[in-house]
C-alpha atoms as a PDB file:
ATOM      1  CA  MET A   1     160.420 178.607  89.281  1.00  0.00           C
ATOM      2  CA  PRO A   2     162.570 179.131  92.395  1.00  0.00           C
ATOM      3  CA  PHE A   3     161.582 177.033  95.396  1.00  0.00           C
ATOM      4  CA  ILE A   4     160.769 180.091  97.536  1.00  0.00           C
ATOM      5  CA  SER A   5     158.272 181.236  94.872  1.00  0.00           C
ATOM      6  CA  LEU A   6     156.556 177.871  94.887  1.00  0.00           C
ATOM      7  CA  LEU A   7     156.521 177.893  98.691  1.00  0.00           C
ATOM      8  CA  TYR A   8     155.000 181.376  98.767  1.00  0.00           C
ATOM      9  CA  PHE A   9     152.341 180.445  96.169  1.00  0.00           C
ATOM     10  CA  ARG A  10     151.376 177.341  98.114  1.00  0.00           C
ATOM     11  CA  THR A  11     151.282 179.288 101.364  1.00  0.00           C
ATOM     12  CA  ALA A  12     149.096 181.925  99.718  1.00  0.00           C
ATOM     13  CA  VAL A  13     146.632 179.257  98.562  1.00  0.00           C
ATOM     14  CA  VAL A  14     146.341 177.875 102.100  1.00  0.00           C
ATOM     15  CA  PHE A  15     145.582 181.350 103.446  1.00  0.00           C
ATOM     16  CA  LEU A  16     143.108 181.918 100.590  1.00  0.00           C
ATOM     17  CA  LEU A  17     141.182 178.824 101.646  1.00  0.00           C
ATOM     18  CA  VAL A  18     141.257 179.882 105.308  1.00  0.00           C
ATOM     19  CA  GLY A  19     140.024 183.355 104.354  1.00  0.00           C
ATOM     20  CA  ILE A  20     137.176 181.901 102.293  1.00  0.00           C
ATOM     21  CA  VAL A  21     136.110 179.639 105.154  1.00  0.00           C
ATOM     22  CA  MET A  22     136.152 182.628 107.513  1.00  0.00           C
ATOM     23  CA  GLY A  23     134.009 184.612 105.075  1.00  0.00           C
ATOM     24  CA  LEU A  24     131.564 181.750 104.621  1.00  0.00           C
ATOM     25  CA  HIS A  25     131.254 181.403 108.393  1.00  0.00           C
ATOM     26  CA  MET A  26     130.546 185.126 108.766  1.00  0.00           C
ATOM     27  CA  ALA A  27     127.919 184.980 106.028  1.00  0.00           C
ATOM     28  CA  ALA A  28     126.245 181.861 107.406  1.00  0.00           C
ATOM     29  CA  THR A  29     126.069 183.180 110.972  1.00  0.00           C
ATOM     30  CA  HIS A  30     125.414 186.836 110.100  1.00  0.00           C
ATOM     31  CA  ASP A  31     128.132 187.641 112.642  1.00  0.00           C
ATOM     32  CA  HIS A  32     130.728 189.958 111.150  1.00  0.00           C
ATOM     33  CA  SER A  33     132.553 190.717 114.400  1.00  0.00           C
ATOM     34  CA  THR A  34     135.673 189.019 113.047  1.00  0.00           C
ATOM     35  CA  LEU A  35     135.782 191.028 109.825  1.00  0.00           C
ATOM     36  CA  ALA A  36     139.192 192.507 110.712  1.00  0.00           C
ATOM     37  CA  ALA A  37     140.718 189.041 111.140  1.00  0.00           C
ATOM     38  CA  HIS A  38     139.174 187.963 107.828  1.00  0.00           C
ATOM     39  CA  ALA A  39     140.686 191.008 106.089  1.00  0.00           C
ATOM     40  CA  HIS A  40     144.114 190.410 107.643  1.00  0.00           C
ATOM     41  CA  VAL A  41     144.150 186.762 106.584  1.00  0.00           C
ATOM     42  CA  ASN A  42     143.159 187.669 103.026  1.00  0.00           C
ATOM     43  CA  LEU A  43     145.505 190.618 102.527  1.00  0.00           C
ATOM     44  CA  LEU A  44     148.513 189.522 104.567  1.00  0.00           C
ATOM     45  CA  GLY A  45     148.055 185.793 104.050  1.00  0.00           C
ATOM     46  CA  TRP A  46     146.772 185.497 100.475  1.00  0.00           C
ATOM     47  CA  VAL A  47     147.567 188.642  98.496  1.00  0.00           C
ATOM     48  CA  THR A  48     150.955 189.633  99.900  1.00  0.00           C
ATOM     49  CA  PRO A  49     152.577 186.174  99.720  1.00  0.00           C
ATOM     50  CA  ALA A  50     151.296 185.819  96.147  1.00  0.00           C
ATOM     51  CA  LEU A  51     153.040 189.106  95.335  1.00  0.00           C
ATOM     52  CA  PHE A  52     156.208 187.906  97.078  1.00  0.00           C
ATOM     53  CA  ALA A  53     156.026 184.709  94.992  1.00  0.00           C
ATOM     54  CA  GLY A  54     155.772 186.709  91.795  1.00  0.00           C
ATOM     55  CA  TYR A  55     158.701 188.919  92.759  1.00  0.00           C
ATOM     56  CA  PHE A  56     160.935 185.949  93.523  1.00  0.00           C
ATOM     57  CA  ALA A  57     159.825 184.157  90.348  1.00  0.00           C
ATOM     58  CA  LEU A  58     160.909 187.197  88.342  1.00  0.00           C
ATOM     59  CA  ASN A  59     164.132 187.629  90.341  1.00  0.00           C
ATOM     60  CA  PRO A  60     165.594 184.141  90.814  1.00  0.00           C
ATOM     61  CA  ALA A  61     168.945 185.464  92.051  1.00  0.00           C
ATOM     62  CA  GLN A  62     167.141 187.185  94.920  1.00  0.00           C
ATOM     63  CA  ALA A  63     165.204 183.986  95.635  1.00  0.00           C
ATOM     64  CA  GLU A  64     168.428 182.063  96.253  1.00  0.00           C
ATOM     65  CA  ARG A  65     169.607 184.373  99.029  1.00  0.00           C
ATOM     66  CA  TRP A  66     169.502 183.112 102.611  1.00  0.00           C
ATOM     67  CA  LEU A  67     167.721 186.360 103.434  1.00  0.00           C
ATOM     68  CA  ALA A  68     164.748 185.259 101.293  1.00  0.00           C
ATOM     69  CA  LYS A  69     164.384 182.102 103.373  1.00  0.00           C
ATOM     70  CA  LEU A  70     164.631 184.072 106.611  1.00  0.00           C
ATOM     71  CA  GLN A  71     162.083 186.574 105.306  1.00  0.00           C
ATOM     72  CA  TYR A  72     159.673 183.761 104.444  1.00  0.00           C
ATOM     73  CA  ALA A  73     159.999 182.203 107.913  1.00  0.00           C
ATOM     74  CA  VAL A  74     159.534 185.492 109.761  1.00  0.00           C
ATOM     75  CA  TYR A  75     156.672 186.793 107.627  1.00  0.00           C
ATOM     76  CA  VAL A  76     154.661 183.577 107.399  1.00  0.00           C
ATOM     77  CA  SER A  77     155.059 182.741 111.091  1.00  0.00           C
ATOM     78  CA  GLY A  78     153.762 186.217 111.916  1.00  0.00           C
ATOM     79  CA  VAL A  79     150.701 185.902 109.687  1.00  0.00           C
ATOM     80  CA  ALA A  80     150.019 182.316 110.799  1.00  0.00           C
ATOM     81  CA  LEU A  81     150.044 183.446 114.426  1.00  0.00           C
ATOM     82  CA  MET A  82     148.191 186.711 113.846  1.00  0.00           C
ATOM     83  CA  GLY A  83     145.179 185.280 112.006  1.00  0.00           C
ATOM     84  CA  PRO A  84     143.828 182.938 114.662  1.00  0.00           C
ATOM     85  CA  MET A  85     144.884 185.120 117.600  1.00  0.00           C
ATOM     86  CA  LEU A  86     143.189 188.202 116.133  1.00  0.00           C
ATOM     87  CA  TYR A  87     140.099 186.106 115.398  1.00  0.00           C
ATOM     88  CA  LEU A  88     139.955 184.858 118.993  1.00  0.00           C
ATOM     89  CA  MET A  89     140.662 188.303 120.397  1.00  0.00           C
ATOM     90  CA  LEU A  90     137.762 189.745 118.394  1.00  0.00           C
ATOM     91  CA  ARG A  91     135.554 186.903 119.663  1.00  0.00           C
ATOM     92  CA  GLY A  92     136.056 188.089 123.236  1.00  0.00           C
ATOM     93  CA  ARG A  93     139.541 187.060 124.337  1.00  0.00           C
ATOM     94  CA  PRO A  94     141.216 190.435 125.073  1.00  0.00           C
ATOM     95  CA  GLU A  95     144.075 188.726 126.922  1.00  0.00           C
ATOM     96  CA  LEU A  96     145.417 187.659 123.504  1.00  0.00           C
ATOM     97  CA  GLU A  97     146.199 191.235 122.500  1.00  0.00           C
ATOM     98  CA  PRO A  98     149.925 190.950 123.402  1.00  0.00           C
ATOM     99  CA  VAL A  99     150.189 187.906 121.111  1.00  0.00           C
ATOM    100  CA  VAL A 100     148.471 189.856 118.318  1.00  0.00           C
ATOM    101  CA  VAL A 101     150.912 192.725 118.852  1.00  0.00           C
ATOM    102  CA  PHE A 102     153.883 190.332 118.783  1.00  0.00           C
ATOM    103  CA  SER A 103     152.637 188.646 115.605  1.00  0.00           C
ATOM    104  CA  SER A 104     152.068 192.055 114.003  1.00  0.00           C
ATOM    105  CA  LEU A 105     155.675 192.955 114.743  1.00  0.00           C
ATOM    106  CA  LEU A 106     156.790 189.687 113.117  1.00  0.00           C
ATOM    107  CA  VAL A 107     154.802 190.566 110.000  1.00  0.00           C
ATOM    108  CA  PHE A 108     156.326 194.044 110.000  1.00  0.00           C
ATOM    109  CA  ALA A 109     159.815 192.566 110.376  1.00  0.00           C
ATOM    110  CA  GLY A 110     159.097 190.247 107.444  1.00  0.00           C
ATOM    111  CA  ALA A 111     158.004 193.233 105.364  1.00  0.00           C
ATOM    112  CA  ILE A 112     161.189 195.100 106.269  1.00  0.00           C
ATOM    113  CA  LEU A 113     163.262 192.076 105.262  1.00  0.00           C
ATOM    114  CA  PHE A 114     161.437 191.975 101.934  1.00  0.00           C
ATOM    115  CA  ALA A 115     162.214 195.656 101.419  1.00  0.00           C
ATOM    116  CA  VAL A 116     165.890 194.928 102.074  1.00  0.00           C
ATOM    117  CA  ILE A 117     165.780 192.123  99.522  1.00  0.00           C
ATOM    118  CA  ALA A 118     163.968 194.238  96.945  1.00  0.00           C
ATOM    119  CA  PHE A 119     166.295 197.214  97.320  1.00  0.00           C
ATOM    120  CA  THR A 120     169.587 195.336  97.416  1.00  0.00           C
ATOM    121  CA  SER A 121     171.292 193.114  94.922  1.00  0.00           C
ATOM    122  CA  PRO A 122     172.723 189.709  95.829  1.00  0.00           C
ATOM    123  CA  ALA A 123     175.851 190.475  93.852  1.00  0.00           C
ATOM    124  CA  ARG A 124     177.140 193.353  91.849  1.00  0.00           C
ATOM    125  CA  VAL A 125     177.511 192.267  88.260  1.00  0.00           C
ATOM    126  CA  ALA A 126     179.679 194.353  86.000  1.00  0.00           C
ATOM    127  CA  LEU A 127     178.109 195.042  82.645  1.00  0.00           C
ATOM    128  CA  PRO A 128     180.247 194.030  79.685  1.00  0.00           C
ATOM    129  CA  ARG A 129     182.088 196.919  78.138  1.00  0.00           C
ATOM    130  CA  VAL A 130     181.645 197.654  74.492  1.00  0.00           C
ATOM    131  CA  ALA A 131     184.950 197.955  72.720  1.00  0.00           C
ATOM    132  CA  ALA A 132     185.598 201.325  71.173  1.00  0.00           C
ATOM    133  CA  GLU A 133     185.599 201.226  67.413  1.00  0.00           C
END
């Protein structure tokens, strides 16, 4: 498995655990005011990185590109910043909204980078020609 796949899977597991703890806290306190943060952590932090990991595991040539490493750094830093800032904003800290917007733009940039990776090839490989009989 390419290293970036392993890194994405491990990152996804961390976000899964964070999302579960957030859900348990909401259930225990009967306070669901942070539901949006919980959903963002689960979808952007657990599900999406797990999908990225699967893509890179199935496309090892793409996983070796420097762009894959940049995409990981941009995307994960955005989600890691967005989760707690959105949580705090929803808990009554409206002054954090610019940080949430910035982190959302980082996540979006990471998604765009993934699209570039998915729609481009690291190298053009010529298919072998079959000799005419």
